[in-house]
PDB file of N, CA and C in Angstrom:
ATOM      1  N   MET A   1     -35.109 -33.248 -54.318  1.00  0.00           N
ATOM      2  CA  MET A   1     -35.490 -34.197 -55.347  1.00  0.00           C
ATOM      3  C   MET A   1     -34.309 -34.544 -56.234  1.00  0.00           C
ATOM      4  N   SER A   2     -34.166 -35.795 -56.478  1.00  0.00           N
ATOM      5  CA  SER A   2     -33.085 -36.264 -57.334  1.00  0.00           C
ATOM      6  C   SER A   2     -33.558 -36.307 -58.779  1.00  0.00           C
ATOM      7  N   GLN A   3     -32.695 -35.878 -59.667  1.00  0.00           N
ATOM      8  CA  GLN A   3     -33.037 -35.910 -61.085  1.00  0.00           C
ATOM      9  C   GLN A   3     -32.253 -36.991 -61.818  1.00  0.00           C
ATOM     10  N   GLY A   4     -31.621 -37.883 -61.101  1.00  0.00           N
ATOM     11  CA  GLY A   4     -30.833 -38.946 -61.705  1.00  0.00           C
ATOM     12  C   GLY A   4     -31.699 -40.129 -62.104  1.00  0.00           C
ATOM     13  N   PHE A   5     -31.059 -41.136 -62.619  1.00  0.00           N
ATOM     14  CA  PHE A   5     -31.739 -42.352 -63.015  1.00  0.00           C
ATOM     15  C   PHE A   5     -31.790 -43.314 -61.846  1.00  0.00           C
ATOM     16  N   GLY A   6     -32.898 -44.028 -61.739  1.00  0.00           N
ATOM     17  CA  GLY A   6     -33.046 -45.041 -60.704  1.00  0.00           C
ATOM     18  C   GLY A   6     -32.844 -46.434 -61.288  1.00  0.00           C
ATOM     19  N   PRO A   7     -32.891 -47.467 -60.452  1.00  0.00           N
ATOM     20  CA  PRO A   7     -32.702 -48.838 -60.923  1.00  0.00           C
ATOM     21  C   PRO A   7     -33.738 -49.272 -61.954  1.00  0.00           C
ATOM     22  N   GLU A   8     -34.975 -48.781 -61.824  1.00  0.00           N
ATOM     23  CA  GLU A   8     -36.005 -49.168 -62.790  1.00  0.00           C
ATOM     24  C   GLU A   8     -35.719 -48.589 -64.171  1.00  0.00           C
ATOM     25  N   ASP A   9     -35.096 -47.420 -64.222  1.00  0.00           N
ATOM     26  CA  ASP A   9     -34.730 -46.816 -65.497  1.00  0.00           C
ATOM     27  C   ASP A   9     -33.618 -47.600 -66.183  1.00  0.00           C
ATOM     28  N   VAL A  10     -32.694 -48.116 -65.418  1.00  0.00           N
ATOM     29  CA  VAL A  10     -31.585 -48.902 -65.979  1.00  0.00           C
ATOM     30  C   VAL A  10     -32.123 -50.166 -66.637  1.00  0.00           C
ATOM     31  N   LYS A  11     -33.113 -50.813 -66.018  1.00  0.00           N
ATOM     32  CA  LYS A  11     -33.695 -52.017 -66.606  1.00  0.00           C
ATOM     33  C   LYS A  11     -34.349 -51.713 -67.937  1.00  0.00           C
ATOM     34  N   ASP A  12     -35.018 -50.556 -68.045  1.00  0.00           N
ATOM     35  CA  ASP A  12     -35.635 -50.178 -69.309  1.00  0.00           C
ATOM     36  C   ASP A  12     -34.584 -49.970 -70.387  1.00  0.00           C
ATOM     37  N   PHE A  13     -33.452 -49.378 -70.032  1.00  0.00           N
ATOM     38  CA  PHE A  13     -32.398 -49.161 -71.009  1.00  0.00           C
ATOM     39  C   PHE A  13     -31.764 -50.477 -71.450  1.00  0.00           C
ATOM     40  N   ARG A  14     -31.700 -51.460 -70.571  1.00  0.00           N
ATOM     41  CA  ARG A  14     -31.170 -52.770 -70.950  1.00  0.00           C
ATOM     42  C   ARG A  14     -32.074 -53.434 -71.982  1.00  0.00           C
ATOM     43  N   ALA A  15     -33.382 -53.353 -71.773  1.00  0.00           N
ATOM     44  CA  ALA A  15     -34.322 -53.920 -72.743  1.00  0.00           C
ATOM     45  C   ALA A  15     -34.201 -53.188 -74.076  1.00  0.00           C
ATOM     46  N   LEU A  16     -34.013 -51.888 -74.022  1.00  0.00           N
ATOM     47  CA  LEU A  16     -33.841 -51.110 -75.242  1.00  0.00           C
ATOM     48  C   LEU A  16     -32.575 -51.542 -75.982  1.00  0.00           C
ATOM     49  N   GLY A  17     -31.533 -51.885 -75.242  1.00  0.00           N
ATOM     50  CA  GLY A  17     -30.301 -52.367 -75.862  1.00  0.00           C
ATOM     51  C   GLY A  17     -30.507 -53.675 -76.594  1.00  0.00           C
ATOM     52  N   ALA A  18     -31.342 -54.560 -76.058  1.00  0.00           N
ATOM     53  CA  ALA A  18     -31.625 -55.828 -76.728  1.00  0.00           C
ATOM     54  C   ALA A  18     -32.375 -55.590 -78.022  1.00  0.00           C
ATOM     55  N   VAL A  19     -33.309 -54.648 -78.009  1.00  0.00           N
ATOM     56  CA  VAL A  19     -34.065 -54.342 -79.221  1.00  0.00           C
ATOM     57  C   VAL A  19     -33.170 -53.664 -80.248  1.00  0.00           C
ATOM     58  N   SER A  20     -32.242 -52.835 -79.803  1.00  0.00           N
ATOM     59  CA  SER A  20     -31.346 -52.178 -80.753  1.00  0.00           C
ATOM     60  C   SER A  20     -30.428 -53.194 -81.427  1.00  0.00           C
ATOM     61  N   GLY A  21     -30.171 -54.321 -80.754  1.00  0.00           N
ATOM     62  CA  GLY A  21     -29.399 -55.392 -81.392  1.00  0.00           C
ATOM     63  C   GLY A  21     -30.120 -55.934 -82.612  1.00  0.00           C
ATOM     64  N   LEU A  22     -31.441 -56.011 -82.537  1.00  0.00           N
ATOM     65  CA  LEU A  22     -32.224 -56.449 -83.688  1.00  0.00           C
ATOM     66  C   LEU A  22     -32.151 -55.402 -84.793  1.00  0.00           C
ATOM     67  N   GLY A  23     -32.138 -54.129 -84.412  1.00  0.00           N
ATOM     68  CA  GLY A  23     -31.994 -53.064 -85.401  1.00  0.00           C
ATOM     69  C   GLY A  23     -30.669 -53.154 -86.143  1.00  0.00           C
ATOM     70  N   CYS A  24     -29.624 -53.487 -85.424  1.00  0.00           N
ATOM     71  CA  CYS A  24     -28.314 -53.663 -86.063  1.00  0.00           C
ATOM     72  C   CYS A  24     -28.330 -54.851 -87.013  1.00  0.00           C
ATOM     73  N   SER A  25     -29.057 -55.895 -86.670  1.00  0.00           N
ATOM     74  CA  SER A  25     -29.116 -57.059 -87.563  1.00  0.00           C
ATOM     75  C   SER A  25     -29.903 -56.730 -88.823  1.00  0.00           C
ATOM     76  N   ILE A  26     -30.872 -55.816 -88.732  1.00  0.00           N
ATOM     77  CA  ILE A  26     -31.604 -55.388 -89.926  1.00  0.00           C
ATOM     78  C   ILE A  26     -30.654 -54.676 -90.879  1.00  0.00           C
ATOM     79  N   VAL A  27     -29.885 -53.753 -90.359  1.00  0.00           N
ATOM     80  CA  VAL A  27     -28.917 -53.021 -91.183  1.00  0.00           C
ATOM     81  C   VAL A  27     -27.862 -53.970 -91.739  1.00  0.00           C
ATOM     82  N   ALA A  28     -27.404 -54.898 -90.907  1.00  0.00           N
ATOM     83  CA  ALA A  28     -26.374 -55.845 -91.352  1.00  0.00           C
ATOM     84  C   ALA A  28     -26.885 -56.722 -92.492  1.00  0.00           C
ATOM     85  N   SER A  29     -28.130 -57.177 -92.418  1.00  0.00           N
ATOM     86  CA  SER A  29     -28.646 -58.021 -93.495  1.00  0.00           C
ATOM     87  C   SER A  29     -28.727 -57.246 -94.802  1.00  0.00           C
ATOM     88  N   LEU A  30     -29.154 -55.985 -94.732  1.00  0.00           N
ATOM     89  CA  LEU A  30     -29.187 -55.169 -95.950  1.00  0.00           C
ATOM     90  C   LEU A  30     -27.793 -54.993 -96.535  1.00  0.00           C
ATOM     91  N   VAL A  31     -26.842 -54.643 -95.687  1.00  0.00           N
ATOM     92  CA  VAL A  31     -25.479 -54.396 -96.167  1.00  0.00           C
ATOM     93  C   VAL A  31     -24.864 -55.665 -96.744  1.00  0.00           C
ATOM     94  N   ILE A  32     -25.038 -56.786 -96.070  1.00  0.00           N
ATOM     95  CA  ILE A  32     -24.431 -58.043 -96.536  1.00  0.00           C
ATOM     96  C   ILE A  32     -24.969 -58.443 -97.903  1.00  0.00           C
ATOM     97  N   PHE A  33     -26.293 -58.381 -98.078  1.00  0.00           N
ATOM     98  CA  PHE A  33     -26.858 -58.797 -99.357  1.00  0.00           C
ATOM     99  C   PHE A  33     -26.520 -57.828-100.479  1.00  0.00           C
ATOM    100  N   ILE A  34     -26.514 -56.540-100.205  1.00  0.00           N
ATOM    101  CA  ILE A  34     -26.191 -55.568-101.255  1.00  0.00           C
ATOM    102  C   ILE A  34     -24.721 -55.663-101.640  1.00  0.00           C
ATOM    103  N   VAL A  35     -23.835 -55.709-100.656  1.00  0.00           N
ATOM    104  CA  VAL A  35     -22.403 -55.817-100.952  1.00  0.00           C
ATOM    105  C   VAL A  35     -22.098 -57.150-101.629  1.00  0.00           C
ATOM    106  N   GLY A  36     -22.781 -58.212-101.188  1.00  0.00           N
ATOM    107  CA  GLY A  36     -22.598 -59.514-101.851  1.00  0.00           C
ATOM    108  C   GLY A  36     -23.025 -59.470-103.296  1.00  0.00           C
ATOM    109  N   GLY A  37     -24.142 -58.780-103.577  1.00  0.00           N
ATOM    110  CA  GLY A  37     -24.589 -58.641-104.967  1.00  0.00           C
ATOM    111  C   GLY A  37     -23.608 -57.847-105.808  1.00  0.00           C
ATOM    112  N   ILE A  38     -23.062 -56.775-105.228  1.00  0.00           N
ATOM    113  CA  ILE A  38     -22.061 -55.973-105.957  1.00  0.00           C
ATOM    114  C   ILE A  38     -20.819 -56.806-106.252  1.00  0.00           C
ATOM    115  N   PHE A  39     -20.347 -57.541-105.245  1.00  0.00           N
ATOM    116  CA  PHE A  39     -19.161 -58.377-105.430  1.00  0.00           C
ATOM    117  C   PHE A  39     -19.395 -59.439-106.513  1.00  0.00           C
ATOM    118  N   LEU A  40     -20.531 -60.112-106.450  1.00  0.00           N
ATOM    119  CA  LEU A  40     -20.818 -61.145-107.452  1.00  0.00           C
ATOM    120  C   LEU A  40     -20.992 -60.547-108.847  1.00  0.00           C
ATOM    121  N   ASP A  41     -21.576 -59.341-108.941  1.00  0.00           N
ATOM    122  CA  ASP A  41     -21.695 -58.678-110.234  1.00  0.00           C
ATOM    123  C   ASP A  41     -20.325 -58.373-110.832  1.00  0.00           C
ATOM    124  N   GLN A  42     -19.408 -57.915-110.022  1.00  0.00           N
ATOM    125  CA  GLN A  42     -18.071 -57.623-110.523  1.00  0.00           C
ATOM    126  C   GLN A  42     -17.337 -58.904-110.902  1.00  0.00           C
ATOM    127  N   PHE A  43     -17.519 -59.941-110.104  1.00  0.00           N
ATOM    128  CA  PHE A  43     -16.831 -61.208-110.343  1.00  0.00           C
ATOM    129  C   PHE A  43     -17.375 -61.903-111.589  1.00  0.00           C
ATOM    130  N   LEU A  44     -18.690 -61.863-111.790  1.00  0.00           N
ATOM    131  CA  LEU A  44     -19.308 -62.576-112.910  1.00  0.00           C
ATOM    132  C   LEU A  44     -19.638 -61.669-114.095  1.00  0.00           C
ATOM    133  N   SER A  45     -19.337 -60.379-113.989  1.00  0.00           N
ATOM    134  CA  SER A  45     -19.629 -59.389-115.043  1.00  0.00           C
ATOM    135  C   SER A  45     -21.106 -59.401-115.436  1.00  0.00           C
ATOM    136  N   THR A  46     -21.973 -59.338-114.455  1.00  0.00           N
ATOM    137  CA  THR A  46     -23.412 -59.353-114.707  1.00  0.00           C
ATOM    138  C   THR A  46     -24.080 -58.088-114.188  1.00  0.00           C
ATOM    139  N   THR A  47     -23.346 -56.989-114.121  1.00  0.00           N
ATOM    140  CA  THR A  47     -23.851 -55.739-113.552  1.00  0.00           C
ATOM    141  C   THR A  47     -25.157 -55.338-114.217  1.00  0.00           C
ATOM    142  N   PRO A  48     -26.136 -54.922-113.542  1.00  0.00           N
ATOM    143  CA  PRO A  48     -26.476 -54.762-112.140  1.00  0.00           C
ATOM    144  C   PRO A  48     -27.452 -55.827-111.640  1.00  0.00           C
ATOM    145  N   ILE A  49     -27.561 -56.924-112.330  1.00  0.00           N
ATOM    146  CA  ILE A  49     -28.594 -57.916-112.024  1.00  0.00           C
ATOM    147  C   ILE A  49     -28.471 -58.457-110.605  1.00  0.00           C
ATOM    148  N   LEU A  50     -27.306 -58.950-110.234  1.00  0.00           N
ATOM    149  CA  LEU A  50     -27.153 -59.554-108.907  1.00  0.00           C
ATOM    150  C   LEU A  50     -27.198 -58.524-107.784  1.00  0.00           C
ATOM    151  N   THR A  51     -26.810 -57.299-108.084  1.00  0.00           N
ATOM    152  CA  THR A  51     -26.948 -56.240-107.081  1.00  0.00           C
ATOM    153  C   THR A  51     -28.420 -55.980-106.792  1.00  0.00           C
ATOM    154  N   LEU A  52     -29.231 -55.926-107.833  1.00  0.00           N
ATOM    155  CA  LEU A  52     -30.668 -55.723-107.642  1.00  0.00           C
ATOM    156  C   LEU A  52     -31.303 -56.893-106.907  1.00  0.00           C
ATOM    157  N   ILE A  53     -30.872 -58.099-107.212  1.00  0.00           N
ATOM    158  CA  ILE A  53     -31.370 -59.274-106.492  1.00  0.00           C
ATOM    159  C   ILE A  53     -30.957 -59.194-105.024  1.00  0.00           C
ATOM    160  N   GLY A  54     -29.731 -58.744-104.762  1.00  0.00           N
ATOM    161  CA  GLY A  54     -29.265 -58.562-103.385  1.00  0.00           C
ATOM    162  C   GLY A  54     -30.081 -57.523-102.642  1.00  0.00           C
ATOM    163  N   VAL A  55     -30.463 -56.445-103.321  1.00  0.00           N
ATOM    164  CA  VAL A  55     -31.297 -55.411-102.699  1.00  0.00           C
ATOM    165  C   VAL A  55     -32.655 -55.999-102.329  1.00  0.00           C
ATOM    166  N   VAL A  56     -33.245 -56.757-103.251  1.00  0.00           N
ATOM    167  CA  VAL A  56     -34.571 -57.341-102.981  1.00  0.00           C
ATOM    168  C   VAL A  56     -34.502 -58.333-101.826  1.00  0.00           C
ATOM    169  N   ILE A  57     -33.517 -59.209-101.833  1.00  0.00           N
ATOM    170  CA  ILE A  57     -33.384 -60.193-100.751  1.00  0.00           C
ATOM    171  C   ILE A  57     -33.102 -59.491 -99.419  1.00  0.00           C
ATOM    172  N   GLY A  58     -32.261 -58.467 -99.449  1.00  0.00           N
ATOM    173  CA  GLY A  58     -31.972 -57.713 -98.230  1.00  0.00           C
ATOM    174  C   GLY A  58     -33.209 -57.018 -97.681  1.00  0.00           C
ATOM    175  N   LEU A  59     -34.040 -56.447 -98.560  1.00  0.00           N
ATOM    176  CA  LEU A  59     -35.269 -55.798 -98.111  1.00  0.00           C
ATOM    177  C   LEU A  59     -36.263 -56.803 -97.548  1.00  0.00           C
ATOM    178  N   VAL A  60     -36.348 -57.978 -98.167  1.00  0.00           N
ATOM    179  CA  VAL A  60     -37.243 -59.023 -97.650  1.00  0.00           C
ATOM    180  C   VAL A  60     -36.763 -59.476 -96.268  1.00  0.00           C
ATOM    181  N   ALA A  61     -35.471 -59.685 -96.107  1.00  0.00           N
ATOM    182  CA  ALA A  61     -34.924 -60.103 -94.813  1.00  0.00           C
ATOM    183  C   ALA A  61     -35.150 -59.021 -93.754  1.00  0.00           C
ATOM    184  N   ALA A  62     -34.932 -57.762 -94.109  1.00  0.00           N
ATOM    185  CA  ALA A  62     -35.152 -56.661 -93.168  1.00  0.00           C
ATOM    186  C   ALA A  62     -36.633 -56.539 -92.812  1.00  0.00           C
ATOM    187  N   GLY A  63     -37.499 -56.719 -93.790  1.00  0.00           N
ATOM    188  CA  GLY A  63     -38.935 -56.665 -93.530  1.00  0.00           C
ATOM    189  C   GLY A  63     -39.383 -57.763 -92.589  1.00  0.00           C
ATOM    190  N   TYR A  64     -38.834 -58.963 -92.780  1.00  0.00           N
ATOM    191  CA  TYR A  64     -39.173 -60.065 -91.880  1.00  0.00           C
ATOM    192  C   TYR A  64     -38.707 -59.775 -90.458  1.00  0.00           C
ATOM    193  N   GLN A  65     -37.523 -59.222 -90.322  1.00  0.00           N
ATOM    194  CA  GLN A  65     -37.013 -58.899 -88.990  1.00  0.00           C
ATOM    195  C   GLN A  65     -37.846 -57.801 -88.328  1.00  0.00           C
ATOM    196  N   LEU A  66     -38.316 -56.829 -89.095  1.00  0.00           N
ATOM    197  CA  LEU A  66     -39.199 -55.805 -88.539  1.00  0.00           C
ATOM    198  C   LEU A  66     -40.532 -56.409 -88.110  1.00  0.00           C
ATOM    199  N   TYR A  67     -41.047 -57.342 -88.898  1.00  0.00           N
ATOM    200  CA  TYR A  67     -42.280 -58.040 -88.540  1.00  0.00           C
ATOM    201  C   TYR A  67     -42.097 -58.801 -87.229  1.00  0.00           C
ATOM    202  N   GLU A  68     -40.972 -59.463 -87.081  1.00  0.00           N
ATOM    203  CA  GLU A  68     -40.671 -60.173 -85.836  1.00  0.00           C
ATOM    204  C   GLU A  68     -40.623 -59.204 -84.662  1.00  0.00           C
ATOM    205  N   LEU A  69     -40.074 -58.034 -84.880  1.00  0.00           N
ATOM    206  CA  LEU A  69     -39.971 -57.035 -83.826  1.00  0.00           C
ATOM    207  C   LEU A  69     -41.353 -56.586 -83.362  1.00  0.00           C
ATOM    208  N   THR A  70     -42.309 -56.510 -84.274  1.00  0.00           N
ATOM    209  CA  THR A  70     -43.654 -56.083 -83.894  1.00  0.00           C
ATOM    210  C   THR A  70     -44.394 -57.153 -83.102  1.00  0.00           C
ATOM    211  N   LEU A  71     -44.001 -58.411 -83.216  1.00  0.00           N
ATOM    212  CA  LEU A  71     -44.701 -59.502 -82.534  1.00  0.00           C
ATOM    213  C   LEU A  71     -44.161 -59.811 -81.143  1.00  0.00           C
ATOM    214  N   ILE A  72     -43.135 -59.116 -80.682  1.00  0.00           N
ATOM    215  CA  ILE A  72     -42.478 -59.479 -79.428  1.00  0.00           C
ATOM    216  C   ILE A  72     -43.431 -59.417 -78.242  1.00  0.00           C
ATOM    217  N   ASN A  73     -44.173 -58.339 -78.070  1.00  0.00           N
ATOM    218  CA  ASN A  73     -45.011 -58.185 -76.883  1.00  0.00           C
ATOM    219  C   ASN A  73     -46.486 -58.466 -77.129  1.00  0.00           C
ATOM    220  N   ARG A  74     -46.843 -59.021 -78.261  1.00  0.00           N
ATOM    221  CA  ARG A  74     -48.249 -59.306 -78.533  1.00  0.00           C
ATOM    222  C   ARG A  74     -48.662 -60.597 -77.866  1.00  0.00           C
ATOM    223  N   LYS A  75     -49.822 -60.567 -77.252  1.00  0.00           N
ATOM    224  CA  LYS A  75     -50.333 -61.742 -76.550  1.00  0.00           C
ATOM    225  C   LYS A  75     -51.182 -62.628 -77.454  1.00  0.00           C
ATOM    226  N   ASP A  76     -51.756 -62.064 -78.527  1.00  0.00           N
ATOM    227  CA  ASP A  76     -52.651 -62.826 -79.377  1.00  0.00           C
ATOM    228  C   ASP A  76     -51.937 -63.618 -80.469  1.00  0.00           C
ATOM    229  N   ARG A  77     -50.647 -63.374 -80.683  1.00  0.00           N
ATOM    230  CA  ARG A  77     -49.889 -64.086 -81.704  1.00  0.00           C
ATOM    231  C   ARG A  77     -48.571 -64.537 -81.133  1.00  0.00           C
ATOM    232  N   GLU A  78     -48.130 -65.681 -81.601  1.00  0.00           N
ATOM    233  CA  GLU A  78     -46.842 -66.199 -81.145  1.00  0.00           C
ATOM    234  C   GLU A  78     -45.730 -65.578 -81.980  1.00  0.00           C
ATOM    235  N   ALA A  79     -44.670 -65.201 -81.319  1.00  0.00           N
ATOM    236  CA  ALA A  79     -43.527 -64.618 -82.017  1.00  0.00           C
ATOM    237  C   ALA A  79     -42.785 -65.703 -82.795  1.00  0.00           C
ATOM    238  N   GLY A  80     -42.091 -65.291 -83.830  1.00  0.00           N
ATOM    239  CA  GLY A  80     -41.286 -66.206 -84.618  1.00  0.00           C
ATOM    240  C   GLY A  80     -39.971 -66.504 -83.913  1.00  0.00           C
ATOM    241  N   PRO A  81     -39.061 -67.194 -84.597  1.00  0.00           N
ATOM    242  CA  PRO A  81     -37.807 -67.592 -83.944  1.00  0.00           C
ATOM    243  C   PRO A  81     -36.946 -66.425 -83.482  1.00  0.00           C
ATOM    244  N   LEU A  82     -36.861 -65.368 -84.266  1.00  0.00           N
ATOM    245  CA  LEU A  82     -36.064 -64.207 -83.847  1.00  0.00           C
ATOM    246  C   LEU A  82     -36.714 -63.497 -82.677  1.00  0.00           C
ATOM    247  N   GLY A  83     -38.017 -63.343 -82.727  1.00  0.00           N
ATOM    248  CA  GLY A  83     -38.734 -62.676 -81.652  1.00  0.00           C
ATOM    249  C   GLY A  83     -38.696 -63.449 -80.349  1.00  0.00           C
ATOM    250  N   ARG A  84     -38.777 -64.788 -80.440  1.00  0.00           N
ATOM    251  CA  ARG A  84     -38.707 -65.594 -79.218  1.00  0.00           C
ATOM    252  C   ARG A  84     -37.349 -65.457 -78.562  1.00  0.00           C
ATOM    253  N   LYS A  85     -36.295 -65.488 -79.369  1.00  0.00           N
ATOM    254  CA  LYS A  85     -34.950 -65.357 -78.814  1.00  0.00           C
ATOM    255  C   LYS A  85     -34.762 -63.987 -78.171  1.00  0.00           C
ATOM    256  N   LEU A  86     -35.215 -62.956 -78.857  1.00  0.00           N
ATOM    257  CA  LEU A  86     -35.087 -61.608 -78.322  1.00  0.00           C
ATOM    258  C   LEU A  86     -35.964 -61.434 -77.082  1.00  0.00           C
ATOM    259  N   GLY A  87     -37.159 -62.016 -77.092  1.00  0.00           N
ATOM    260  CA  GLY A  87     -38.042 -61.925 -75.938  1.00  0.00           C
ATOM    261  C   GLY A  87     -37.451 -62.574 -74.701  1.00  0.00           C
ATOM    262  N   THR A  88     -36.779 -63.720 -74.876  1.00  0.00           N
ATOM    263  CA  THR A  88     -36.150 -64.366 -73.720  1.00  0.00           C
ATOM    264  C   THR A  88     -34.991 -63.536 -73.197  1.00  0.00           C
ATOM    265  N   GLN A  89     -34.257 -62.888 -74.086  1.00  0.00           N
ATOM    266  CA  GLN A  89     -33.162 -62.029 -73.637  1.00  0.00           C
ATOM    267  C   GLN A  89     -33.694 -60.834 -72.854  1.00  0.00           C
ATOM    268  N   ILE A  90     -34.806 -60.254 -73.317  1.00  0.00           N
ATOM    269  CA  ILE A  90     -35.388 -59.115 -72.618  1.00  0.00           C
ATOM    270  C   ILE A  90     -35.894 -59.542 -71.248  1.00  0.00           C
ATOM    271  N   GLU A  91     -36.549 -60.708 -71.176  1.00  0.00           N
ATOM    272  CA  GLU A  91     -37.062 -61.189 -69.887  1.00  0.00           C
ATOM    273  C   GLU A  91     -35.930 -61.468 -68.899  1.00  0.00           C
ATOM    274  N   LYS A  92     -34.826 -62.022 -69.377  1.00  0.00           N
ATOM    275  CA  LYS A  92     -33.683 -62.270 -68.503  1.00  0.00           C
ATOM    276  C   LYS A  92     -33.139 -60.963 -67.950  1.00  0.00           C
ATOM    277  N   ARG A  93     -33.077 -59.954 -68.798  1.00  0.00           N
ATOM    278  CA  ARG A  93     -32.552 -58.669 -68.355  1.00  0.00           C
ATOM    279  C   ARG A  93     -33.500 -57.970 -67.389  1.00  0.00           C
ATOM    280  N   ARG A  94     -34.795 -58.177 -67.561  1.00  0.00           N
ATOM    281  CA  ARG A  94     -35.762 -57.559 -66.646  1.00  0.00           C
ATOM    282  C   ARG A  94     -35.692 -58.173 -65.264  1.00  0.00           C
ATOM    283  N   ARG A  95     -35.344 -59.450 -65.185  1.00  0.00           N
ATOM    284  CA  ARG A  95     -35.271 -60.130 -63.891  1.00  0.00           C
ATOM    285  C   ARG A  95     -34.076 -59.676 -63.068  1.00  0.00           C
ATOM    286  N   LYS A  96     -33.049 -59.165 -63.714  1.00  0.00           N
ATOM    287  CA  LYS A  96     -31.829 -58.776 -63.000  1.00  0.00           C
ATOM    288  C   LYS A  96     -32.020 -57.541 -62.185  1.00  0.00           C
TER     289      LYS A  96
END
């Protein structure tokens, strides 16, 4: 008996890689908005107002991306723009 990975396992890992790309975009949106708020606070001397606004906007953006992630494989609801793009990438990878 072989304990290695087969071709079907590789396809599953490819789909997982596409989903992890969305996870990276969630982290990136949080970092961009928070760092942008810190930079603007230092530039405009408005500490901590714009940093807090950046945190809120970053959390809203991350929440929306997580919501999109939950809609990818649902049949009763249509996915949003991020989910549709990610879904097409996953389907392309599954066909290979």
